[in-house]
Amino acid sequence: MRVLLTVQMDTEKANKAITGKTLPQTMKSVLDRVKPEATYFGAKDGMRTAFIVFDLKEASDIPTVAEPFFQELGAKLTVTPVMTFDDVQAGLQKYGSN
């Protein structure tokens, strides 16, 4: 299932990760594992935030994705199922045939 993972990083922990040069390693370890379709960085609610779209193959994969962000960055995470326009069209066709 395609999901949008929103990672809001604790400012103090992210500052330490930046000055300690561990932030790129933390991000790369997760991104290498999930092979995202897209990744963007910005601010949300005044916090450094990563927006990562990837295919979550199984719910049991969530801890391997989430724990580095929780443990290293004190992050708040949101996992939201998302669709492409093609997915929406296919879903609406299914809905219309019921």
PDB file of N, CA and C in Angstrom:
ATOM      1  N   MET A   1       0.848  -1.170   0.000  1.00  0.00           N
ATOM      2  CA  MET A   1       0.000   0.000   0.000  1.00  0.00           C
ATOM      3  C   MET A   1       0.896   1.236   0.000  1.00  0.00           C
ATOM      4  N   ARG A   2       0.580   2.179  -0.883  1.00  0.00           N
ATOM      5  CA  ARG A   2       1.341   3.428  -0.942  1.00  0.00           C
ATOM      6  C   ARG A   2       0.936   4.285   0.252  1.00  0.00           C
ATOM      7  N   VAL A   3       1.935   4.802   0.966  1.00  0.00           N
ATOM      8  CA  VAL A   3       1.666   5.641   2.130  1.00  0.00           C
ATOM      9  C   VAL A   3       2.517   6.907   2.078  1.00  0.00           C
ATOM     10  N   LEU A   4       2.006   7.918   2.765  1.00  0.00           N
ATOM     11  CA  LEU A   4       2.770   9.137   3.003  1.00  0.00           C
ATOM     12  C   LEU A   4       3.192   9.088   4.461  1.00  0.00           C
ATOM     13  N   LEU A   5       4.488   9.031   4.696  1.00  0.00           N
ATOM     14  CA  LEU A   5       5.035   9.075   6.047  1.00  0.00           C
ATOM     15  C   LEU A   5       5.473  10.510   6.311  1.00  0.00           C
ATOM     16  N   THR A   6       4.862  11.129   7.309  1.00  0.00           N
ATOM     17  CA  THR A   6       5.233  12.477   7.712  1.00  0.00           C
ATOM     18  C   THR A   6       6.043  12.358   8.992  1.00  0.00           C
ATOM     19  N   VAL A   7       7.281  12.854   8.945  1.00  0.00           N
ATOM     20  CA  VAL A   7       8.205  12.742  10.071  1.00  0.00           C
ATOM     21  C   VAL A   7       8.495  14.143  10.594  1.00  0.00           C
ATOM     22  N   GLN A   8       7.927  14.482  11.751  1.00  0.00           N
ATOM     23  CA  GLN A   8       8.173  15.780  12.379  1.00  0.00           C
ATOM     24  C   GLN A   8       9.216  15.583  13.468  1.00  0.00           C
ATOM     25  N   MET A   9      10.374  16.196  13.269  1.00  0.00           N
ATOM     26  CA  MET A   9      11.524  15.974  14.147  1.00  0.00           C
ATOM     27  C   MET A   9      11.527  16.924  15.337  1.00  0.00           C
ATOM     28  N   ASP A  10      11.796  16.367  16.502  1.00  0.00           N
ATOM     29  CA  ASP A  10      11.986  17.178  17.695  1.00  0.00           C
ATOM     30  C   ASP A  10      13.151  18.139  17.434  1.00  0.00           C
ATOM     31  N   THR A  11      12.941  19.421  17.693  1.00  0.00           N
ATOM     32  CA  THR A  11      13.951  20.430  17.347  1.00  0.00           C
ATOM     33  C   THR A  11      15.268  20.192  18.062  1.00  0.00           C
ATOM     34  N   GLU A  12      15.233  19.938  19.352  1.00  0.00           N
ATOM     35  CA  GLU A  12      16.480  19.751  20.112  1.00  0.00           C
ATOM     36  C   GLU A  12      17.249  18.520  19.633  1.00  0.00           C
ATOM     37  N   LYS A  13      16.539  17.405  19.450  1.00  0.00           N
ATOM     38  CA  LYS A  13      17.213  16.185  18.987  1.00  0.00           C
ATOM     39  C   LYS A  13      17.711  16.343  17.552  1.00  0.00           C
ATOM     40  N   ALA A  14      16.941  17.015  16.705  1.00  0.00           N
ATOM     41  CA  ALA A  14      17.378  17.236  15.324  1.00  0.00           C
ATOM     42  C   ALA A  14      18.598  18.154  15.292  1.00  0.00           C
ATOM     43  N   ASN A  15      18.610  19.184  16.148  1.00  0.00           N
ATOM     44  CA  ASN A  15      19.788  20.061  16.230  1.00  0.00           C
ATOM     45  C   ASN A  15      21.033  19.260  16.592  1.00  0.00           C
ATOM     46  N   LYS A  16      20.907  18.369  17.572  1.00  0.00           N
ATOM     47  CA  LYS A  16      22.048  17.528  17.975  1.00  0.00           C
ATOM     48  C   LYS A  16      22.467  16.600  16.842  1.00  0.00           C
ATOM     49  N   ALA A  17      21.485  16.064  16.121  1.00  0.00           N
ATOM     50  CA  ALA A  17      21.796  15.168  15.003  1.00  0.00           C
ATOM     51  C   ALA A  17      22.488  15.915  13.864  1.00  0.00           C
ATOM     52  N   ILE A  18      22.135  17.174  13.690  1.00  0.00           N
ATOM     53  CA  ILE A  18      22.788  17.986  12.649  1.00  0.00           C
ATOM     54  C   ILE A  18      24.211  18.320  13.061  1.00  0.00           C
ATOM     55  N   THR A  19      24.392  18.821  14.282  1.00  0.00           N
ATOM     56  CA  THR A  19      25.741  19.189  14.720  1.00  0.00           C
ATOM     57  C   THR A  19      26.624  17.960  14.891  1.00  0.00           C
ATOM     58  N   GLY A  20      26.014  16.823  15.251  1.00  0.00           N
ATOM     59  CA  GLY A  20      26.766  15.576  15.390  1.00  0.00           C
ATOM     60  C   GLY A  20      26.923  14.823  14.077  1.00  0.00           C
ATOM     61  N   LYS A  21      26.357  15.390  13.028  1.00  0.00           N
ATOM     62  CA  LYS A  21      26.457  14.829  11.672  1.00  0.00           C
ATOM     63  C   LYS A  21      25.848  13.423  11.552  1.00  0.00           C
ATOM     64  N   THR A  22      24.828  13.115  12.369  1.00  0.00           N
ATOM     65  CA  THR A  22      24.166  11.813  12.284  1.00  0.00           C
ATOM     66  C   THR A  22      22.834  11.879  11.550  1.00  0.00           C
ATOM     67  N   LEU A  23      22.301  13.081  11.337  1.00  0.00           N
ATOM     68  CA  LEU A  23      21.003  13.199  10.667  1.00  0.00           C
ATOM     69  C   LEU A  23      21.024  12.586   9.264  1.00  0.00           C
ATOM     70  N   PRO A  24      22.025  12.895   8.435  1.00  0.00           N
ATOM     71  CA  PRO A  24      22.037  12.279   7.099  1.00  0.00           C
ATOM     72  C   PRO A  24      22.089  10.752   7.153  1.00  0.00           C
ATOM     73  N   GLN A  25      22.823  10.200   8.105  1.00  0.00           N
ATOM     74  CA  GLN A  25      22.918   8.736   8.231  1.00  0.00           C
ATOM     75  C   GLN A  25      21.567   8.133   8.610  1.00  0.00           C
ATOM     76  N   THR A  26      20.876   8.772   9.549  1.00  0.00           N
ATOM     77  CA  THR A  26      19.559   8.278   9.971  1.00  0.00           C
ATOM     78  C   THR A  26      18.590   8.294   8.800  1.00  0.00           C
ATOM     79  N   MET A  27      18.535   9.405   8.082  1.00  0.00           N
ATOM     80  CA  MET A  27      17.625   9.517   6.944  1.00  0.00           C
ATOM     81  C   MET A  27      17.985   8.490   5.869  1.00  0.00           C
ATOM     82  N   LYS A  28      19.269   8.390   5.542  1.00  0.00           N
ATOM     83  CA  LYS A  28      19.707   7.487   4.479  1.00  0.00           C
ATOM     84  C   LYS A  28      19.403   6.037   4.826  1.00  0.00           C
ATOM     85  N   SER A  29      19.575   5.649   6.091  1.00  0.00           N
ATOM     86  CA  SER A  29      19.328   4.251   6.464  1.00  0.00           C
ATOM     87  C   SER A  29      17.868   3.871   6.223  1.00  0.00           C
ATOM     88  N   VAL A  30      16.953   4.774   6.535  1.00  0.00           N
ATOM     89  CA  VAL A  30      15.530   4.482   6.311  1.00  0.00           C
ATOM     90  C   VAL A  30      15.190   4.574   4.827  1.00  0.00           C
ATOM     91  N   LEU A  31      15.673   5.614   4.160  1.00  0.00           N
ATOM     92  CA  LEU A  31      15.348   5.792   2.738  1.00  0.00           C
ATOM     93  C   LEU A  31      15.897   4.655   1.886  1.00  0.00           C
ATOM     94  N   ASP A  32      17.085   4.166   2.217  1.00  0.00           N
ATOM     95  CA  ASP A  32      17.641   3.023   1.488  1.00  0.00           C
ATOM     96  C   ASP A  32      16.762   1.784   1.672  1.00  0.00           C
ATOM     97  N   ARG A  33      16.178   1.646   2.843  1.00  0.00           N
ATOM     98  CA  ARG A  33      15.340   0.482   3.142  1.00  0.00           C
ATOM     99  C   ARG A  33      13.989   0.547   2.426  1.00  0.00           C
ATOM    100  N   VAL A  34      13.349   1.723   2.427  1.00  0.00           N
ATOM    101  CA  VAL A  34      11.987   1.820   1.880  1.00  0.00           C
ATOM    102  C   VAL A  34      11.935   2.176   0.400  1.00  0.00           C
ATOM    103  N   LYS A  35      13.048   2.641  -0.144  1.00  0.00           N
ATOM    104  CA  LYS A  35      13.116   3.009  -1.569  1.00  0.00           C
ATOM    105  C   LYS A  35      11.912   3.883  -1.955  1.00  0.00           C
ATOM    106  N   PRO A  36      11.875   5.103  -1.447  1.00  0.00           N
ATOM    107  CA  PRO A  36      10.697   5.956  -1.647  1.00  0.00           C
ATOM    108  C   PRO A  36      10.461   6.346  -3.104  1.00  0.00           C
ATOM    109  N   GLU A  37       9.189   6.543  -3.387  1.00  0.00           N
ATOM    110  CA  GLU A  37       8.760   7.077  -4.672  1.00  0.00           C
ATOM    111  C   GLU A  37       9.108   8.564  -4.742  1.00  0.00           C
ATOM    112  N   ALA A  38       8.975   9.234  -3.598  1.00  0.00           N
ATOM    113  CA  ALA A  38       9.303  10.663  -3.504  1.00  0.00           C
ATOM    114  C   ALA A  38       9.616  11.001  -2.047  1.00  0.00           C
ATOM    115  N   THR A  39      10.525  11.957  -1.865  1.00  0.00           N
ATOM    116  CA  THR A  39      10.864  12.450  -0.532  1.00  0.00           C
ATOM    117  C   THR A  39      11.039  13.959  -0.621  1.00  0.00           C
ATOM    118  N   TYR A  40      10.390  14.652   0.299  1.00  0.00           N
ATOM    119  CA  TYR A  40      10.489  16.106   0.361  1.00  0.00           C
ATOM    120  C   TYR A  40      10.763  16.521   1.788  1.00  0.00           C
ATOM    121  N   PHE A  41      11.419  17.657   1.946  1.00  0.00           N
ATOM    122  CA  PHE A  41      11.726  18.186   3.269  1.00  0.00           C
ATOM    123  C   PHE A  41      11.220  19.614   3.362  1.00  0.00           C
ATOM    124  N   GLY A  42      10.695  19.970   4.522  1.00  0.00           N
ATOM    125  CA  GLY A  42      10.180  21.311   4.736  1.00  0.00           C
ATOM    126  C   GLY A  42       9.878  21.500   6.210  1.00  0.00           C
ATOM    127  N   ALA A  43       8.990  22.413   6.486  1.00  0.00           N
ATOM    128  CA  ALA A  43       8.570  22.668   7.865  1.00  0.00           C
ATOM    129  C   ALA A  43       7.068  22.476   7.968  1.00  0.00           C
ATOM    130  N   LYS A  44       6.642  21.889   9.076  1.00  0.00           N
ATOM    131  CA  LYS A  44       5.219  21.743   9.370  1.00  0.00           C
ATOM    132  C   LYS A  44       5.052  21.987  10.861  1.00  0.00           C
ATOM    133  N   ASP A  45       4.110  22.830  11.208  1.00  0.00           N
ATOM    134  CA  ASP A  45       3.873  23.165  12.621  1.00  0.00           C
ATOM    135  C   ASP A  45       5.156  23.657  13.294  1.00  0.00           C
ATOM    136  N   GLY A  46       6.000  24.348  12.543  1.00  0.00           N
ATOM    137  CA  GLY A  46       7.238  24.901  13.094  1.00  0.00           C
ATOM    138  C   GLY A  46       8.331  23.878  13.347  1.00  0.00           C
ATOM    139  N   MET A  47       8.189  22.677  12.796  1.00  0.00           N
ATOM    140  CA  MET A  47       9.187  21.617  13.011  1.00  0.00           C
ATOM    141  C   MET A  47       9.784  21.168  11.686  1.00  0.00           C
ATOM    142  N   ARG A  48      11.055  20.793  11.714  1.00  0.00           N
ATOM    143  CA  ARG A  48      11.661  20.173  10.532  1.00  0.00           C
ATOM    144  C   ARG A  48      10.840  18.918  10.222  1.00  0.00           C
ATOM    145  N   THR A  49      10.501  18.769   8.945  1.00  0.00           N
ATOM    146  CA  THR A  49       9.612  17.676   8.573  1.00  0.00           C
ATOM    147  C   THR A  49      10.062  17.032   7.272  1.00  0.00           C
ATOM    148  N   ALA A  50       9.995  15.716   7.241  1.00  0.00           N
ATOM    149  CA  ALA A  50      10.219  14.948   6.017  1.00  0.00           C
ATOM    150  C   ALA A  50       8.882  14.362   5.595  1.00  0.00           C
ATOM    151  N   PHE A  51       8.623  14.411   4.291  1.00  0.00           N
ATOM    152  CA  PHE A  51       7.417  13.839   3.695  1.00  0.00           C
ATOM    153  C   PHE A  51       7.895  12.743   2.748  1.00  0.00           C
ATOM    154  N   ILE A  52       7.599  11.505   3.079  1.00  0.00           N
ATOM    155  CA  ILE A  52       8.159  10.367   2.357  1.00  0.00           C
ATOM    156  C   ILE A  52       7.013   9.506   1.819  1.00  0.00           C
ATOM    157  N   VAL A  53       6.955   9.326   0.498  1.00  0.00           N
ATOM    158  CA  VAL A  53       5.943   8.473  -0.126  1.00  0.00           C
ATOM    159  C   VAL A  53       6.634   7.176  -0.541  1.00  0.00           C
ATOM    160  N   PHE A  54       6.088   6.055  -0.052  1.00  0.00           N
ATOM    161  CA  PHE A  54       6.689   4.760  -0.377  1.00  0.00           C
ATOM    162  C   PHE A  54       5.643   3.659  -0.292  1.00  0.00           C
ATOM    163  N   ASP A  55       6.010   2.482  -0.776  1.00  0.00           N
ATOM    164  CA  ASP A  55       5.121   1.323  -0.745  1.00  0.00           C
ATOM    165  C   ASP A  55       5.384   0.553   0.540  1.00  0.00           C
ATOM    166  N   LEU A  56       4.403   0.572   1.441  1.00  0.00           N
ATOM    167  CA  LEU A  56       4.480  -0.198   2.679  1.00  0.00           C
ATOM    168  C   LEU A  56       3.952  -1.593   2.373  1.00  0.00           C
ATOM    169  N   LYS A  57       4.847  -2.552   2.298  1.00  0.00           N
ATOM    170  CA  LYS A  57       4.457  -3.896   1.869  1.00  0.00           C
ATOM    171  C   LYS A  57       3.627  -4.618   2.931  1.00  0.00           C
ATOM    172  N   GLU A  58       4.019  -4.473   4.195  1.00  0.00           N
ATOM    173  CA  GLU A  58       3.298  -5.131   5.287  1.00  0.00           C
ATOM    174  C   GLU A  58       3.277  -4.219   6.497  1.00  0.00           C
ATOM    175  N   ALA A  59       2.215  -4.291   7.279  1.00  0.00           N
ATOM    176  CA  ALA A  59       2.124  -3.480   8.496  1.00  0.00           C
ATOM    177  C   ALA A  59       3.285  -3.785   9.441  1.00  0.00           C
ATOM    178  N   SER A  60       3.776  -5.018   9.411  1.00  0.00           N
ATOM    179  CA  SER A  60       4.889  -5.395  10.292  1.00  0.00           C
ATOM    180  C   SER A  60       6.191  -4.685   9.924  1.00  0.00           C
ATOM    181  N   ASP A  61       6.217  -3.993   8.785  1.00  0.00           N
ATOM    182  CA  ASP A  61       7.399  -3.212   8.394  1.00  0.00           C
ATOM    183  C   ASP A  61       7.447  -1.854   9.094  1.00  0.00           C
ATOM    184  N   ILE A  62       6.352  -1.446   9.700  1.00  0.00           N
ATOM    185  CA  ILE A  62       6.301  -0.115  10.312  1.00  0.00           C
ATOM    186  C   ILE A  62       7.396   0.095  11.361  1.00  0.00           C
ATOM    187  N   PRO A  63       7.643  -0.842  12.293  1.00  0.00           N
ATOM    188  CA  PRO A  63       8.697  -0.597  13.279  1.00  0.00           C
ATOM    189  C   PRO A  63      10.084  -0.370  12.673  1.00  0.00           C
ATOM    190  N   THR A  64      10.409  -1.081  11.589  1.00  0.00           N
ATOM    191  CA  THR A  64      11.736  -0.883  10.993  1.00  0.00           C
ATOM    192  C   THR A  64      11.869   0.483  10.345  1.00  0.00           C
ATOM    193  N   VAL A  65      10.743   1.054   9.955  1.00  0.00           N
ATOM    194  CA  VAL A  65      10.742   2.394   9.375  1.00  0.00           C
ATOM    195  C   VAL A  65      10.681   3.445  10.481  1.00  0.00           C
ATOM    196  N   ALA A  66       9.838   3.232  11.463  1.00  0.00           N
ATOM    197  CA  ALA A  66       9.558   4.246  12.484  1.00  0.00           C
ATOM    198  C   ALA A  66      10.628   4.373  13.561  1.00  0.00           C
ATOM    199  N   GLU A  67      11.158   3.262  14.030  1.00  0.00           N
ATOM    200  CA  GLU A  67      12.046   3.301  15.197  1.00  0.00           C
ATOM    201  C   GLU A  67      13.271   4.203  15.049  1.00  0.00           C
ATOM    202  N   PRO A  68      13.958   4.211  13.898  1.00  0.00           N
ATOM    203  CA  PRO A  68      15.093   5.143  13.798  1.00  0.00           C
ATOM    204  C   PRO A  68      14.677   6.603  14.006  1.00  0.00           C
ATOM    205  N   PHE A  69      13.506   6.966  13.499  1.00  0.00           N
ATOM    206  CA  PHE A  69      13.034   8.337  13.669  1.00  0.00           C
ATOM    207  C   PHE A  69      12.627   8.615  15.115  1.00  0.00           C
ATOM    208  N   PHE A  70      11.971   7.654  15.756  1.00  0.00           N
ATOM    209  CA  PHE A  70      11.607   7.806  17.165  1.00  0.00           C
ATOM    210  C   PHE A  70      12.858   7.910  18.037  1.00  0.00           C
ATOM    211  N   GLN A  71      13.762   6.959  17.874  1.00  0.00           N
ATOM    212  CA  GLN A  71      14.912   6.860  18.766  1.00  0.00           C
ATOM    213  C   GLN A  71      15.975   7.929  18.525  1.00  0.00           C
ATOM    214  N   GLU A  72      16.257   8.216  17.270  1.00  0.00           N
ATOM    215  CA  GLU A  72      17.330   9.162  16.960  1.00  0.00           C
ATOM    216  C   GLU A  72      16.877  10.616  16.949  1.00  0.00           C
ATOM    217  N   LEU A  73      15.611  10.847  16.588  1.00  0.00           N
ATOM    218  CA  LEU A  73      15.163  12.222  16.375  1.00  0.00           C
ATOM    219  C   LEU A  73      13.967  12.622  17.241  1.00  0.00           C
ATOM    220  N   GLY A  74      13.485  11.716  18.091  1.00  0.00           N
ATOM    221  CA  GLY A  74      12.313  12.030  18.912  1.00  0.00           C
ATOM    222  C   GLY A  74      11.144  12.496  18.067  1.00  0.00           C
ATOM    223  N   ALA A  75      11.003  11.894  16.904  1.00  0.00           N
ATOM    224  CA  ALA A  75      10.035  12.374  15.901  1.00  0.00           C
ATOM    225  C   ALA A  75       8.605  11.953  16.212  1.00  0.00           C
ATOM    226  N   LYS A  76       7.695  12.776  15.723  1.00  0.00           N
ATOM    227  CA  LYS A  76       6.266  12.462  15.688  1.00  0.00           C
ATOM    228  C   LYS A  76       5.991  11.982  14.270  1.00  0.00           C
ATOM    229  N   LEU A  77       5.380  10.802  14.128  1.00  0.00           N
ATOM    230  CA  LEU A  77       5.146  10.224  12.811  1.00  0.00           C
ATOM    231  C   LEU A  77       3.661  10.097  12.521  1.00  0.00           C
ATOM    232  N   THR A  78       3.329  10.288  11.250  1.00  0.00           N
ATOM    233  CA  THR A  78       1.984  10.030  10.767  1.00  0.00           C
ATOM    234  C   THR A  78       2.102   9.194   9.505  1.00  0.00           C
ATOM    235  N   VAL A  79       1.365   8.090   9.458  1.00  0.00           N
ATOM    236  CA  VAL A  79       1.343   7.230   8.272  1.00  0.00           C
ATOM    237  C   VAL A  79      -0.052   7.345   7.663  1.00  0.00           C
ATOM    238  N   THR A  80      -0.115   7.854   6.430  1.00  0.00           N
ATOM    239  CA  THR A  80      -1.387   8.100   5.768  1.00  0.00           C
ATOM    240  C   THR A  80      -1.438   7.347   4.452  1.00  0.00           C
ATOM    241  N   PRO A  81      -2.438   6.473   4.255  1.00  0.00           N
ATOM    242  CA  PRO A  81      -2.569   5.839   2.937  1.00  0.00           C
ATOM    243  C   PRO A  81      -2.850   6.914   1.883  1.00  0.00           C
ATOM    244  N   VAL A  82      -2.187   6.823   0.733  1.00  0.00           N
ATOM    245  CA  VAL A  82      -2.385   7.787  -0.357  1.00  0.00           C
ATOM    246  C   VAL A  82      -2.514   7.042  -1.682  1.00  0.00           C
ATOM    247  N   MET A  83      -3.080   7.749  -2.678  1.00  0.00           N
ATOM    248  CA  MET A  83      -3.298   7.156  -3.993  1.00  0.00           C
ATOM    249  C   MET A  83      -2.828   8.112  -5.083  1.00  0.00           C
ATOM    250  N   THR A  84      -2.475   7.534  -6.216  1.00  0.00           N
ATOM    251  CA  THR A  84      -2.245   8.332  -7.412  1.00  0.00           C
ATOM    252  C   THR A  84      -3.605   8.619  -8.043  1.00  0.00           C
ATOM    253  N   PHE A  85      -3.620   9.487  -9.039  1.00  0.00           N
ATOM    254  CA  PHE A  85      -4.872   9.765  -9.743  1.00  0.00           C
ATOM    255  C   PHE A  85      -5.407   8.497 -10.412  1.00  0.00           C
ATOM    256  N   ASP A  86      -4.507   7.675 -10.954  1.00  0.00           N
ATOM    257  CA  ASP A  86      -4.930   6.412 -11.563  1.00  0.00           C
ATOM    258  C   ASP A  86      -5.607   5.510 -10.538  1.00  0.00           C
ATOM    259  N   ASP A  87      -5.065   5.471  -9.317  1.00  0.00           N
ATOM    260  CA  ASP A  87      -5.678   4.676  -8.246  1.00  0.00           C
ATOM    261  C   ASP A  87      -7.087   5.183  -7.927  1.00  0.00           C
ATOM    262  N   VAL A  88      -7.232   6.493  -7.868  1.00  0.00           N
ATOM    263  CA  VAL A  88      -8.549   7.083  -7.576  1.00  0.00           C
ATOM    264  C   VAL A  88      -9.541   6.702  -8.671  1.00  0.00           C
ATOM    265  N   GLN A  89      -9.119   6.828  -9.927  1.00  0.00           N
ATOM    266  CA  GLN A  89     -10.010   6.475 -11.040  1.00  0.00           C
ATOM    267  C   GLN A  89     -10.432   5.005 -10.964  1.00  0.00           C
ATOM    268  N   ALA A  90      -9.485   4.110 -10.691  1.00  0.00           N
ATOM    269  CA  ALA A  90      -9.807   2.689 -10.582  1.00  0.00           C
ATOM    270  C   ALA A  90     -10.764   2.439  -9.417  1.00  0.00           C
ATOM    271  N   GLY A  91     -10.533   3.109  -8.310  1.00  0.00           N
ATOM    272  CA  GLY A  91     -11.417   2.965  -7.153  1.00  0.00           C
ATOM    273  C   GLY A  91     -12.818   3.463  -7.430  1.00  0.00           C
ATOM    274  N   LEU A  92     -12.916   4.570  -8.148  1.00  0.00           N
ATOM    275  CA  LEU A  92     -14.241   5.106  -8.485  1.00  0.00           C
ATOM    276  C   LEU A  92     -14.977   4.196  -9.467  1.00  0.00           C
ATOM    277  N   GLN A  93     -14.223   3.574 -10.365  1.00  0.00           N
ATOM    278  CA  GLN A  93     -14.861   2.609 -11.278  1.00  0.00           C
ATOM    279  C   GLN A  93     -15.410   1.418 -10.498  1.00  0.00           C
ATOM    280  N   LYS A  94     -14.651   0.933  -9.538  1.00  0.00           N
ATOM    281  CA  LYS A  94     -15.124  -0.171  -8.689  1.00  0.00           C
ATOM    282  C   LYS A  94     -16.367   0.249  -7.922  1.00  0.00           C
ATOM    283  N   TYR A  95     -16.323   1.451  -7.380  1.00  0.00           N
ATOM    284  CA  TYR A  95     -17.457   1.955  -6.624  1.00  0.00           C
ATOM    285  C   TYR A  95     -18.695   2.062  -7.511  1.00  0.00           C
ATOM    286  N   GLY A  96     -18.515   2.553  -8.711  1.00  0.00           N
ATOM    287  CA  GLY A  96     -19.632   2.744  -9.635  1.00  0.00           C
ATOM    288  C   GLY A  96     -20.237   1.436 -10.112  1.00  0.00           C
ATOM    289  N   SER A  97     -19.480   0.348 -10.057  1.00  0.00           N
ATOM    290  CA  SER A  97     -19.996  -0.932 -10.530  1.00  0.00           C
ATOM    291  C   SER A  97     -20.746  -1.689  -9.443  1.00  0.00           C
ATOM    292  N   ASN A  98     -20.810  -1.145  -8.239  1.00  0.00           N
ATOM    293  CA  ASN A  98     -21.536  -1.817  -7.133  1.00  0.00           C
ATOM    294  C   ASN A  98     -22.968  -1.382  -7.080  1.00  0.00           C
TER     295      ASN A  98
END
